[in-house]
Amino acid sequence: MKTQSFEEKLEHSKELLEKLMNPEITLEESVKLYEEGLKNIKEAQTLIEEAKTKISIIDQANQNVENE
């Protein structure tokens, strides 16, 4: 299975939210969607943290080059 990008995870989260708002879904389905949504959001947060780390490393490298 292909790893989803941050944007794909965000879109998937929106789709899950729309499904959760449907008054006709069962409690069991609601819990399943909620659990999937939390997992999806945690994965998206991990991608954000990884991006922040990369940006920090790039900024530090750039500062080192400027100081030389």
C-alpha atoms as a PDB file:
ATOM      1  CA  MET A   1       0.000   0.000   0.000  1.00  0.00           C
ATOM      2  CA  LYS A   2       1.311   3.444  -0.987  1.00  0.00           C
ATOM      3  CA  THR A   3       2.170   5.794   1.871  1.00  0.00           C
ATOM      4  CA  GLN A   4      -0.196   8.755   1.916  1.00  0.00           C
ATOM      5  CA  SER A   5       1.118  12.301   1.790  1.00  0.00           C
ATOM      6  CA  PHE A   6       0.128  14.846   4.422  1.00  0.00           C
ATOM      7  CA  GLU A   7      -2.389  16.352   2.027  1.00  0.00           C
ATOM      8  CA  GLU A   8      -3.918  12.940   1.296  1.00  0.00           C
ATOM      9  CA  LYS A   9      -4.196  12.236   5.025  1.00  0.00           C
ATOM     10  CA  LEU A  10      -5.906  15.588   5.531  1.00  0.00           C
ATOM     11  CA  GLU A  11      -8.376  14.857   2.742  1.00  0.00           C
ATOM     12  CA  HIS A  12      -9.046  11.380   4.139  1.00  0.00           C
ATOM     13  CA  SER A  13      -9.707  12.913   7.562  1.00  0.00           C
ATOM     14  CA  LYS A  14     -12.276  15.248   6.002  1.00  0.00           C
ATOM     15  CA  GLU A  15     -13.978  12.270   4.343  1.00  0.00           C
ATOM     16  CA  LEU A  16     -14.100  10.406   7.658  1.00  0.00           C
ATOM     17  CA  LEU A  17     -15.602  13.448   9.359  1.00  0.00           C
ATOM     18  CA  GLU A  18     -18.311  13.681   6.707  1.00  0.00           C
ATOM     19  CA  LYS A  19     -19.162  10.008   7.255  1.00  0.00           C
ATOM     20  CA  LEU A  20     -19.267  10.530  11.027  1.00  0.00           C
ATOM     21  CA  MET A  21     -21.774  13.346  10.582  1.00  0.00           C
ATOM     22  CA  ASN A  22     -24.231  10.985   8.868  1.00  0.00           C
ATOM     23  CA  PRO A  23     -27.018  10.344  11.395  1.00  0.00           C
ATOM     24  CA  GLU A  24     -27.773   6.968   9.811  1.00  0.00           C
ATOM     25  CA  ILE A  25     -24.482   5.239  10.646  1.00  0.00           C
ATOM     26  CA  THR A  26     -24.403   2.768  13.483  1.00  0.00           C
ATOM     27  CA  LEU A  27     -22.607   3.258  16.768  1.00  0.00           C
ATOM     28  CA  GLU A  28     -20.177   0.490  15.822  1.00  0.00           C
ATOM     29  CA  GLU A  29     -19.383   2.180  12.510  1.00  0.00           C
ATOM     30  CA  SER A  30     -18.985   5.542  14.279  1.00  0.00           C
ATOM     31  CA  VAL A  31     -16.431   4.078  16.683  1.00  0.00           C
ATOM     32  CA  LYS A  32     -14.557   2.439  13.790  1.00  0.00           C
ATOM     33  CA  LEU A  33     -14.440   5.714  11.839  1.00  0.00           C
ATOM     34  CA  TYR A  34     -13.387   7.663  14.935  1.00  0.00           C
ATOM     35  CA  GLU A  35     -10.549   5.228  15.604  1.00  0.00           C
ATOM     36  CA  GLU A  36      -9.419   5.389  11.978  1.00  0.00           C
ATOM     37  CA  GLY A  37      -9.565   9.179  12.083  1.00  0.00           C
ATOM     38  CA  LEU A  38      -7.391   9.394  15.201  1.00  0.00           C
ATOM     39  CA  LYS A  39      -4.821   7.056  13.645  1.00  0.00           C
ATOM     40  CA  ASN A  40      -4.830   9.134  10.473  1.00  0.00           C
ATOM     41  CA  ILE A  41      -4.366  12.409  12.381  1.00  0.00           C
ATOM     42  CA  LYS A  42      -1.489  10.990  14.447  1.00  0.00           C
ATOM     43  CA  GLU A  43       0.238   9.920  11.233  1.00  0.00           C
ATOM     44  CA  ALA A  44      -0.286  13.409   9.777  1.00  0.00           C
ATOM     45  CA  GLN A  45       1.173  14.972  12.937  1.00  0.00           C
ATOM     46  CA  THR A  46       4.222  12.732  12.564  1.00  0.00           C
ATOM     47  CA  LEU A  47       4.682  13.983   9.001  1.00  0.00           C
ATOM     48  CA  ILE A  48       4.500  17.591  10.254  1.00  0.00           C
ATOM     49  CA  GLU A  49       7.105  16.905  12.949  1.00  0.00           C
ATOM     50  CA  GLU A  50       9.400  15.280  10.369  1.00  0.00           C
ATOM     51  CA  ALA A  51       9.030  18.313   8.102  1.00  0.00           C
ATOM     52  CA  LYS A  52       9.820  20.681  10.997  1.00  0.00           C
ATOM     53  CA  THR A  53      12.952  18.681  11.791  1.00  0.00           C
ATOM     54  CA  LYS A  54      14.106  18.781   8.161  1.00  0.00           C
ATOM     55  CA  ILE A  55      13.516  22.546   7.973  1.00  0.00           C
ATOM     56  CA  SER A  56      15.449  23.073  11.201  1.00  0.00           C
ATOM     57  CA  ILE A  57      18.394  21.055   9.858  1.00  0.00           C
ATOM     58  CA  ILE A  58      18.356  23.024   6.596  1.00  0.00           C
ATOM     59  CA  ASP A  59      18.220  26.340   8.478  1.00  0.00           C
ATOM     60  CA  GLN A  60      21.148  25.322  10.702  1.00  0.00           C
ATOM     61  CA  ALA A  61      23.194  24.247   7.686  1.00  0.00           C
ATOM     62  CA  ASN A  62      22.387  27.525   5.954  1.00  0.00           C
ATOM     63  CA  GLN A  63      23.456  29.540   9.011  1.00  0.00           C
ATOM     64  CA  ASN A  64      26.731  27.614   9.152  1.00  0.00           C
ATOM     65  CA  VAL A  65      27.423  28.431   5.496  1.00  0.00           C
ATOM     66  CA  GLU A  66      26.615  32.122   6.048  1.00  0.00           C
ATOM     67  CA  ASN A  67      28.938  32.288   9.066  1.00  0.00           C
ATOM     68  CA  GLU A  68      31.923  30.920   7.149  1.00  0.00           C
END
